[in-house]
Amino acid sequence: METYSTVAEVVEYIESHNLYFMNLLLSTGQIFVVDKNGDSAIIEGDDIIYREGDYQVCTNFLHSHPELGGYPCWRYKTVVNMLENMTDPSVEYCREILNASHQDGYTQYSNIFDLNNGILYLHHFHDYKNYIEINLTKEFNLGVHSYYLPSLFEPINNQPPEKPDNPIGPISGRIKTEYVYETNTIDPDNDYNQIYYKWDFGDGTQSYWILNKEPYFGKILHTWKKTGNYDVRVKARDIYGCESEWSDPLTVAMPKNKAINPLILFLERLSERFPVMEQILHQIYDKLA
């Protein structure tokens, strides 16, 4: 945005570079560029689709390869139908389009850009009555800075989710085997019944914040690579970024085999370099169990 101001300039820049990485990146997604002159283009790796007519829409499928999935798309049809019948090209009508085409549990932010006036209208989750108006010229003049967007919408007196229940799952097992762990909690503010969970597995790894589709319910898979005892903990976060305390730990044991089979030891070391060997290891473990 600092260097290029038109769709033509963006397309020229992209086409002048090797798109091998971008082809992989955009195998299931797109870059949608628009400028204040009214030009727009959907960039899908080597395929670039330019606007035809008064508008251009992209949703959950690749225009260049609709056979890859997501088409036909109800969101695309809804937006196109509303644009075709639009009599009031206003910001408020754009909000009606967003409201009609959002996806519960997936749409976290919705943006309306008034490029002529340099105004961004930012909406959080599915609330299209409340929004934040951002003057882009003023923001650019502030220099490099950032915001944690959910905090901009946090209501006064918002409370964090309650401390999650102790993790539930196996308390012992074998290394390099996947196990399921679950938890639950309650959000006192009932923020769209959506809770994010972060897991700590006691082995130096933590999960990202994971949004589970079922209200308040948390579930995750994990594999330990080394023997030992591990404390599994979990914490919760609401849609505004307000976090709970960590749960009490569940101690999980990954004990050593009583008798170390030289073949198993060799295969374990081999699988560290060649992950395909892990399936063979699992079959041997199952026979020894």
Protein backbone atom coordinates (compact mmCIF):
# COMPACT_ATOMS: atom_id res chain seq x y z
CA MET A 1 0.00 0.00 0.00
CA GLU A 2 2.96 2.29 0.62
CA THR A 3 4.49 1.65 -2.80
CA TYR A 4 1.56 0.92 -5.14
CA SER A 5 -1.77 2.73 -5.37
CA THR A 6 -3.51 1.10 -8.35
CA VAL A 7 -4.55 -2.41 -9.33
CA ALA A 8 -2.45 -2.17 -12.49
CA GLU A 9 0.69 -1.45 -10.45
CA VAL A 10 0.02 -4.37 -8.11
CA VAL A 11 -0.57 -6.78 -10.99
CA GLU A 12 2.57 -5.59 -12.79
CA TYR A 13 4.62 -6.14 -9.64
CA ILE A 14 3.23 -9.65 -9.06
CA GLU A 15 3.67 -10.71 -12.69
CA SER A 16 7.32 -9.60 -12.60
CA HIS A 17 8.15 -12.17 -9.92
CA ASN A 18 8.34 -15.93 -9.70
CA LEU A 19 4.89 -17.04 -8.57
CA TYR A 20 5.85 -20.59 -7.56
CA PHE A 21 5.40 -19.89 -3.84
CA MET A 22 2.26 -17.84 -4.42
CA ASN A 23 0.73 -20.65 -6.47
CA LEU A 24 1.10 -22.91 -3.42
CA LEU A 25 -0.18 -20.21 -1.09
CA LEU A 26 -3.21 -19.48 -3.26
CA SER A 27 -4.11 -23.09 -4.04
CA THR A 28 -7.17 -22.58 -1.82
CA GLY A 29 -7.35 -18.79 -1.56
CA GLN A 30 -7.13 -15.46 -3.33
CA ILE A 31 -5.78 -11.95 -3.09
CA PHE A 32 -8.48 -9.40 -3.92
CA VAL A 33 -7.16 -5.95 -4.83
CA VAL A 34 -9.26 -2.83 -5.43
CA ASP A 35 -8.32 0.83 -5.96
CA LYS A 36 -10.23 4.09 -5.67
CA ASN A 37 -10.48 4.34 -9.47
CA GLY A 38 -12.91 1.42 -9.39
CA ASP A 39 -10.53 -1.15 -10.84
CA SER A 40 -10.30 -4.56 -9.17
CA ALA A 41 -8.76 -7.97 -9.74
CA ILE A 42 -8.74 -11.38 -8.07
CA ILE A 43 -5.25 -12.87 -8.04
CA GLU A 44 -5.08 -16.67 -7.85
CA GLY A 45 -1.42 -17.42 -8.49
CA ASP A 46 -0.78 -17.21 -12.23
CA ASP A 47 -4.49 -16.66 -12.86
CA ILE A 48 -5.70 -13.07 -12.61
CA ILE A 49 -9.40 -12.34 -13.00
CA TYR A 50 -10.29 -8.72 -13.77
CA ARG A 51 -13.59 -7.02 -13.00
CA GLU A 52 -16.25 -7.12 -15.68
CA GLY A 53 -19.27 -4.89 -15.20
CA ASP A 54 -20.02 -2.71 -12.19
CA TYR A 55 -18.75 -5.02 -9.44
CA GLN A 56 -16.61 -8.04 -8.65
CA VAL A 57 -17.18 -10.67 -5.95
CA CYS A 58 -15.00 -13.40 -4.49
CA THR A 59 -16.04 -15.80 -1.72
CA ASN A 60 -15.27 -19.45 -0.97
CA PHE A 61 -14.08 -20.82 -4.31
CA LEU A 62 -11.41 -20.18 -6.93
CA HIS A 63 -12.79 -18.44 -10.02
CA SER A 64 -10.01 -19.99 -12.09
CA HIS A 65 -10.70 -23.52 -10.81
CA PRO A 66 -14.22 -23.82 -9.34
CA GLU A 67 -14.00 -27.59 -9.72
CA LEU A 68 -11.58 -27.67 -6.77
CA GLY A 69 -14.43 -27.08 -4.35
CA GLY A 70 -16.68 -24.50 -2.74
CA TYR A 71 -18.76 -23.95 -5.87
CA PRO A 72 -21.65 -23.32 -6.19
CA CYS A 73 -21.39 -20.93 -3.24
CA TRP A 74 -24.51 -19.58 -1.51
CA ARG A 75 -22.57 -16.58 -0.24
CA TYR A 76 -21.50 -15.65 -3.77
CA LYS A 77 -25.05 -15.96 -5.10
CA THR A 78 -26.43 -13.89 -2.21
CA VAL A 79 -23.96 -11.04 -2.72
CA VAL A 80 -24.36 -10.97 -6.51
CA ASN A 81 -28.15 -10.96 -6.22
CA MET A 82 -28.10 -8.06 -3.75
CA LEU A 83 -25.66 -6.07 -5.89
CA GLU A 84 -27.78 -6.61 -9.00
CA ASN A 85 -30.81 -5.25 -7.15
CA MET A 86 -28.98 -2.41 -5.41
CA THR A 87 -30.67 0.99 -5.64
CA ASP A 88 -28.76 2.68 -2.82
CA PRO A 89 -24.97 2.24 -3.16
CA SER A 90 -24.34 3.29 0.42
CA VAL A 91 -22.24 2.09 3.33
CA GLU A 92 -25.43 1.02 5.09
CA TYR A 93 -26.46 -1.19 2.17
CA CYS A 94 -22.99 -2.76 2.21
CA ARG A 95 -23.64 -3.66 5.86
CA GLU A 96 -26.87 -5.39 4.80
CA ILE A 97 -24.89 -7.41 2.24
CA LEU A 98 -22.32 -8.40 4.87
CA ASN A 99 -25.04 -9.41 7.30
CA ALA A 100 -26.72 -11.59 4.67
CA SER A 101 -23.52 -13.34 3.66
CA HIS A 102 -21.58 -13.80 6.92
CA GLN A 103 -20.84 -17.27 8.29
CA ASP A 104 -21.54 -17.97 11.95
CA GLY A 105 -18.44 -19.29 13.66
CA TYR A 106 -16.13 -18.21 10.83
CA THR A 107 -16.60 -14.50 10.06
CA GLN A 108 -14.60 -12.66 12.70
CA TYR A 109 -14.23 -9.28 11.02
CA SER A 110 -16.03 -7.46 8.25
CA ASN A 111 -14.60 -4.37 6.56
CA ILE A 112 -16.12 -1.69 4.38
CA PHE A 113 -13.62 0.59 2.62
CA ASP A 114 -14.62 4.03 1.39
CA LEU A 115 -11.54 4.46 -0.79
CA ASN A 116 -12.46 7.89 -2.10
CA ASN A 117 -12.60 9.34 1.40
CA GLY A 118 -9.99 7.06 2.97
CA ILE A 119 -12.36 5.66 5.59
CA LEU A 120 -12.43 2.08 6.91
CA TYR A 121 -15.51 0.80 8.73
CA LEU A 122 -14.53 -2.17 10.88
CA HIS A 123 -17.12 -4.62 12.28
CA HIS A 124 -16.44 -7.38 14.79
CA PHE A 125 -18.04 -10.81 14.43
CA HIS A 126 -21.67 -10.49 13.31
CA ASP A 127 -22.49 -7.14 14.89
CA TYR A 128 -23.32 -4.81 12.02
CA LYS A 129 -24.99 -2.17 14.17
CA ASN A 130 -21.76 -1.24 15.92
CA TYR A 131 -18.54 -0.40 14.14
CA ILE A 132 -15.28 1.53 14.41
CA GLU A 133 -14.54 4.23 11.87
CA ILE A 134 -10.85 4.49 11.00
CA ASN A 135 -9.38 7.41 9.08
CA LEU A 136 -6.66 5.81 6.99
CA THR A 137 -4.81 9.07 6.31
CA LYS A 138 -4.45 9.71 10.04
CA GLU A 139 -3.34 6.12 10.66
CA PHE A 140 -0.67 6.27 7.95
CA ASN A 141 0.66 9.52 9.40
CA LEU A 142 1.21 7.81 12.76
CA GLY A 143 3.95 5.66 11.29
CA VAL A 144 4.44 1.98 12.05
CA HIS A 145 2.01 0.83 14.77
CA SER A 146 -0.54 -1.90 15.37
CA TYR A 147 -3.74 -2.69 17.25
CA TYR A 148 -5.09 -5.86 18.79
CA LEU A 149 -8.42 -5.59 16.99
CA PRO A 150 -10.66 -7.54 19.42
CA SER A 151 -9.73 -5.18 22.26
CA LEU A 152 -11.14 -2.25 20.27
CA PHE A 153 -14.61 -3.75 20.62
CA GLU A 154 -14.41 -5.00 24.22
CA PRO A 155 -17.44 -3.85 26.24
CA ILE A 156 -17.05 -2.12 29.60
CA ASN A 157 -17.04 -4.63 32.48
CA ASN A 158 -16.31 -7.55 30.16
CA GLN A 159 -15.35 -10.62 32.18
CA PRO A 160 -12.94 -13.39 31.15
CA PRO A 161 -14.14 -16.98 30.77
CA GLU A 162 -14.11 -19.06 33.92
CA LYS A 163 -11.13 -21.25 34.70
CA PRO A 164 -11.45 -24.30 32.39
CA ASP A 165 -12.23 -27.72 33.79
CA ASN A 166 -9.26 -30.01 34.32
CA PRO A 167 -8.27 -31.65 31.01
CA ILE A 168 -9.84 -35.06 30.43
CA GLY A 169 -7.95 -37.76 28.54
CA PRO A 170 -5.48 -40.64 28.87
CA ILE A 171 -3.07 -40.32 31.81
CA SER A 172 -0.51 -42.70 30.32
CA GLY A 173 0.48 -43.92 26.90
CA ARG A 174 3.23 -44.42 24.37
CA ILE A 175 5.41 -41.84 22.72
CA LYS A 176 4.73 -40.99 19.08
CA THR A 177 1.08 -41.92 19.53
CA GLU A 178 -1.74 -39.37 19.18
CA TYR A 179 -4.10 -38.81 22.14
CA VAL A 180 -7.28 -36.75 22.56
CA TYR A 181 -7.83 -34.27 25.41
CA GLU A 182 -10.97 -32.29 26.21
CA THR A 183 -12.13 -29.50 28.49
CA ASN A 184 -15.02 -27.13 29.10
CA THR A 185 -15.70 -23.70 30.55
CA ILE A 186 -18.30 -20.91 30.75
CA ASP A 187 -18.16 -17.31 29.55
CA PRO A 188 -20.16 -15.13 32.00
CA ASP A 189 -20.88 -12.60 29.23
CA ASN A 190 -22.07 -15.25 26.74
CA ASP A 191 -20.12 -13.62 23.90
CA TYR A 192 -21.64 -15.42 20.92
CA ASN A 193 -21.02 -18.75 22.73
CA GLN A 194 -17.53 -18.78 21.22
CA ILE A 195 -14.46 -19.66 23.25
CA TYR A 196 -10.83 -20.04 22.17
CA TYR A 197 -8.56 -22.51 23.96
CA LYS A 198 -4.77 -22.65 24.27
CA TRP A 199 -3.17 -25.89 25.45
CA ASP A 200 0.17 -26.41 27.20
CA PHE A 201 1.44 -29.99 27.00
CA GLY A 202 4.35 -29.74 29.44
CA ASP A 203 6.90 -30.67 26.78
CA GLY A 204 7.79 -27.14 25.76
CA THR A 205 4.99 -26.86 23.20
CA GLN A 206 1.73 -24.94 23.25
CA SER A 207 -1.11 -24.86 20.77
CA TYR A 208 -2.39 -21.81 18.97
CA TRP A 209 -5.67 -20.32 20.15
CA ILE A 210 -8.22 -22.81 18.85
CA LEU A 211 -11.88 -21.97 18.28
CA ASN A 212 -14.06 -25.04 18.69
CA LYS A 213 -17.42 -25.07 16.92
CA GLU A 214 -19.35 -26.51 19.86
CA PRO A 215 -20.17 -23.77 22.43
CA TYR A 216 -17.62 -23.70 25.25
CA PHE A 217 -16.27 -27.19 24.43
CA GLY A 218 -12.53 -27.64 23.82
CA LYS A 219 -10.81 -30.58 22.16
CA ILE A 220 -7.30 -31.22 20.86
CA LEU A 221 -4.91 -33.97 19.71
CA HIS A 222 -1.31 -34.26 20.87
CA THR A 223 1.69 -36.56 20.47
CA TRP A 224 4.66 -36.71 22.83
CA LYS A 225 8.04 -37.50 21.29
CA LYS A 226 10.02 -38.40 24.43
CA THR A 227 9.37 -40.48 27.53
CA GLY A 228 8.63 -38.70 30.81
CA ASN A 229 5.82 -37.18 32.88
CA TYR A 230 3.98 -34.16 31.49
CA ASP A 231 1.47 -31.69 32.95
CA VAL A 232 -1.31 -30.81 30.50
CA ARG A 233 -3.00 -27.45 31.11
CA VAL A 234 -5.47 -25.32 29.19
CA LYS A 235 -6.68 -21.73 29.34
CA ALA A 236 -9.62 -19.97 27.67
CA ARG A 237 -10.09 -16.65 25.86
CA ASP A 238 -13.24 -14.82 24.79
CA ILE A 239 -13.75 -13.08 21.45
CA TYR A 240 -12.29 -9.84 22.81
CA GLY A 241 -9.02 -11.43 23.91
CA CYS A 242 -9.83 -11.56 27.63
CA GLU A 243 -8.10 -14.65 29.08
CA SER A 244 -8.89 -17.01 31.95
CA GLU A 245 -6.33 -18.46 34.31
CA TRP A 246 -4.72 -21.81 33.50
CA SER A 247 -6.61 -24.94 34.49
CA ASP A 248 -5.27 -27.35 37.07
CA PRO A 249 -2.88 -29.79 35.40
CA LEU A 250 -3.51 -33.35 34.29
CA THR A 251 -0.30 -35.37 34.67
CA VAL A 252 0.34 -37.71 31.76
CA ALA A 253 3.02 -40.43 31.88
CA MET A 254 4.90 -41.61 28.84
CA PRO A 255 6.95 -44.42 30.47
CA LYS A 256 9.89 -46.28 29.02
CA ASN A 257 9.45 -49.87 27.96
CA LYS A 258 10.53 -52.31 30.69
CA ALA A 259 12.72 -54.12 28.21
CA ILE A 260 14.29 -52.07 25.47
CA ASN A 261 14.13 -53.93 22.20
CA PRO A 262 17.21 -53.04 20.11
CA LEU A 263 15.10 -53.12 16.95
CA ILE A 264 12.61 -50.63 18.43
CA LEU A 265 15.42 -48.36 19.60
CA PHE A 266 16.91 -48.44 16.12
CA LEU A 267 13.54 -47.70 14.46
CA GLU A 268 12.82 -44.85 16.88
CA ARG A 269 16.08 -43.16 15.97
CA LEU A 270 15.44 -43.85 12.29
CA SER A 271 11.94 -42.38 12.47
CA GLU A 272 13.36 -39.11 13.80
CA ARG A 273 14.97 -38.64 10.39
CA PHE A 274 12.35 -40.46 8.32
CA PRO A 275 8.81 -39.87 9.70
CA VAL A 276 7.40 -42.53 7.36
CA MET A 277 8.91 -45.13 9.72
CA GLU A 278 6.53 -44.10 12.52
CA GLN A 279 3.73 -46.27 11.10
CA ILE A 280 5.99 -49.32 11.32
CA LEU A 281 6.81 -48.41 14.92
CA HIS A 282 3.12 -48.17 15.81
CA GLN A 283 2.49 -51.66 14.44
CA ILE A 284 5.35 -53.10 16.50
CA TYR A 285 4.14 -51.29 19.65
CA ASP A 286 0.65 -52.73 19.15
CA LYS A 287 2.00 -56.28 18.95
CA LEU A 288 4.09 -55.81 22.09
CA ALA A 289 1.27 -54.21 24.10
